[in-house]
C-alpha atoms as a PDB file:
ATOM      1  CA  MET A   1       2.993  -9.441 -42.222  1.00  0.00           C
ATOM      2  CA  THR A   2       3.112  -8.554 -38.535  1.00  0.00           C
ATOM      3  CA  SER A   3       4.271  -5.310 -37.024  1.00  0.00           C
ATOM      4  CA  THR A   4       7.175  -5.206 -34.584  1.00  0.00           C
ATOM      5  CA  THR A   5       6.112  -1.827 -33.223  1.00  0.00           C
ATOM      6  CA  PRO A   6       4.825  -2.198 -29.648  1.00  0.00           C
ATOM      7  CA  THR A   7       1.211  -1.300 -29.008  1.00  0.00           C
ATOM      8  CA  GLN A   8       0.277   1.498 -26.602  1.00  0.00           C
ATOM      9  CA  SER A   9      -0.476  -0.942 -23.765  1.00  0.00           C
ATOM     10  CA  GLN A  10       2.807  -2.813 -24.262  1.00  0.00           C
ATOM     11  CA  ALA A  11       4.772   0.438 -24.192  1.00  0.00           C
ATOM     12  CA  THR A  12       2.977   1.527 -21.010  1.00  0.00           C
ATOM     13  CA  GLU A  13       3.651  -1.801 -19.296  1.00  0.00           C
ATOM     14  CA  ALA A  14       7.358  -1.602 -20.147  1.00  0.00           C
ATOM     15  CA  ASN A  15       7.617   1.825 -18.467  1.00  0.00           C
ATOM     16  CA  GLU A  16       5.794   0.837 -15.290  1.00  0.00           C
ATOM     17  CA  GLN A  17       7.786   0.427 -12.106  1.00  0.00           C
ATOM     18  CA  PRO A  18       6.924  -2.127  -9.415  1.00  0.00           C
ATOM     19  CA  GLU A  19       4.711  -0.947  -6.574  1.00  0.00           C
ATOM     20  CA  VAL A  20       6.640  -3.022  -4.031  1.00  0.00           C
ATOM     21  CA  VAL A  21      10.129  -4.480  -3.742  1.00  0.00           C
ATOM     22  CA  SER A  22      11.475  -7.265  -1.578  1.00  0.00           C
ATOM     23  CA  LEU A  23      12.765  -6.576   1.897  1.00  0.00           C
ATOM     24  CA  LEU A  24      16.249  -7.579   0.717  1.00  0.00           C
ATOM     25  CA  THR A  25      16.161  -5.073  -2.149  1.00  0.00           C
ATOM     26  CA  ALA A  26      14.978  -2.304   0.167  1.00  0.00           C
ATOM     27  CA  GLY A  27      17.642  -3.234   2.696  1.00  0.00           C
ATOM     28  CA  ARG A  28      20.371  -3.111   0.050  1.00  0.00           C
ATOM     29  CA  LEU A  29      19.242   0.360  -1.042  1.00  0.00           C
ATOM     30  CA  LEU A  30      19.403   1.516   2.567  1.00  0.00           C
ATOM     31  CA  GLY A  31      22.725  -0.171   3.308  1.00  0.00           C
ATOM     32  CA  ILE A  32      21.153  -2.711   5.656  1.00  0.00           C
ATOM     33  CA  GLY A  33      22.235  -6.334   5.567  1.00  0.00           C
ATOM     34  CA  ARG A  34      19.868  -9.301   5.197  1.00  0.00           C
ATOM     35  CA  THR A  35      19.789 -10.392   8.836  1.00  0.00           C
ATOM     36  CA  LYS A  36      19.402  -6.850  10.166  1.00  0.00           C
ATOM     37  CA  ALA A  37      16.636  -6.089   7.641  1.00  0.00           C
ATOM     38  CA  TYR A  38      14.621  -9.116   8.747  1.00  0.00           C
ATOM     39  CA  ARG A  39      15.192  -8.329  12.432  1.00  0.00           C
ATOM     40  CA  LEU A  40      14.032  -4.745  11.952  1.00  0.00           C
ATOM     41  CA  ALA A  41      10.985  -5.810   9.923  1.00  0.00           C
ATOM     42  CA  LYS A  42       9.975  -8.429  12.492  1.00  0.00           C
ATOM     43  CA  ALA A  43      10.311  -5.881  15.315  1.00  0.00           C
ATOM     44  CA  GLY A  44       8.367  -3.261  13.341  1.00  0.00           C
ATOM     45  CA  GLU A  45      11.422  -0.987  13.288  1.00  0.00           C
ATOM     46  CA  PHE A  46      12.382  -1.018   9.599  1.00  0.00           C
ATOM     47  CA  PRO A  47      12.988   2.612   8.481  1.00  0.00           C
ATOM     48  CA  CYS A  48       9.934   2.608   6.189  1.00  0.00           C
ATOM     49  CA  ARG A  49       6.634   0.772   5.898  1.00  0.00           C
ATOM     50  CA  VAL A  50       6.854  -3.003   5.453  1.00  0.00           C
ATOM     51  CA  LEU A  51       3.946  -5.191   4.365  1.00  0.00           C
ATOM     52  CA  ARG A  52       3.638  -8.803   5.450  1.00  0.00           C
ATOM     53  CA  ILE A  53       2.070 -10.814   2.638  1.00  0.00           C
ATOM     54  CA  GLY A  54       1.733 -14.432   3.625  1.00  0.00           C
ATOM     55  CA  GLY A  55       5.188 -15.467   4.737  1.00  0.00           C
ATOM     56  CA  ARG A  56       6.951 -12.722   2.777  1.00  0.00           C
ATOM     57  CA  TYR A  57       7.841  -9.102   3.374  1.00  0.00           C
ATOM     58  CA  ALA A  58       7.301  -6.403   0.759  1.00  0.00           C
ATOM     59  CA  VAL A  59       8.286  -2.747   0.921  1.00  0.00           C
ATOM     60  CA  PRO A  60       6.192  -0.165  -0.961  1.00  0.00           C
ATOM     61  CA  VAL A  61       8.397   1.760  -3.390  1.00  0.00           C
ATOM     62  CA  ARG A  62       6.629   5.034  -2.604  1.00  0.00           C
ATOM     63  CA  GLY A  63       7.721   4.952   1.050  1.00  0.00           C
ATOM     64  CA  LEU A  64      11.223   3.865   0.134  1.00  0.00           C
ATOM     65  CA  ARG A  65      11.557   6.748  -2.338  1.00  0.00           C
ATOM     66  CA  ALA A  66      10.276   9.204   0.270  1.00  0.00           C
ATOM     67  CA  LEU A  67      12.914   7.977   2.688  1.00  0.00           C
ATOM     68  CA  LEU A  68      15.736   8.101   0.142  1.00  0.00           C
ATOM     69  CA  ASP A  69      14.778  11.393  -1.519  1.00  0.00           C
ATOM     70  CA  PRO A  70      12.977  13.611   0.984  1.00  0.00           C
ATOM     71  CA  ILE A  71      11.574  16.888  -0.303  1.00  0.00           C
ATOM     72  CA  THR A  72      11.850  19.831   2.059  1.00  0.00           C
ATOM     73  CA  PRO A  73       8.897  22.211   2.535  1.00  0.00           C
ATOM     74  CA  ASP A  74      10.457  24.738   0.126  1.00  0.00           C
ATOM     75  CA  GLY A  75      10.618  22.091  -2.618  1.00  0.00           C
ATOM     76  CA  TYR A  76      14.337  21.341  -2.581  1.00  0.00           C
ATOM     77  CA  ASN A  77      15.943  17.963  -1.913  1.00  0.00           C
ATOM     78  CA  SER A  78      18.988  19.082   0.055  1.00  0.00           C
ATOM     79  CA  PRO A  79      18.848  19.481   3.846  1.00  0.00           C
ATOM     80  CA  SER A  80      19.958  23.131   3.571  1.00  0.00           C
ATOM     81  CA  GLY A  81      17.072  23.886   1.232  1.00  0.00           C
ATOM     82  CA  ARG A  82      19.244  24.909  -1.697  1.00  0.00           C
ATOM     83  CA  GLU A  83      21.703  22.964  -3.793  1.00  0.00           C
ATOM     84  CA  GLY A  84      25.107  24.277  -4.829  1.00  0.00           C
END
């Protein structure tokens, strides 16, 4: 009889997030269309770091998260420093 319970490594893999996303995915999250995203990436002006891997663009999730959810020096996410 085999067990259907996932092993520790399988459970860890299921919880892992990708390290990079496509330029199109990053653009969608930022409200940037396909053509504009590619233009910005080619010009080196995309709002966060873009990697060129072969003929493809990849955007590191860490930089994208930092752009979308900036933390202020006092540890709060809102521009005023305090929520509410």
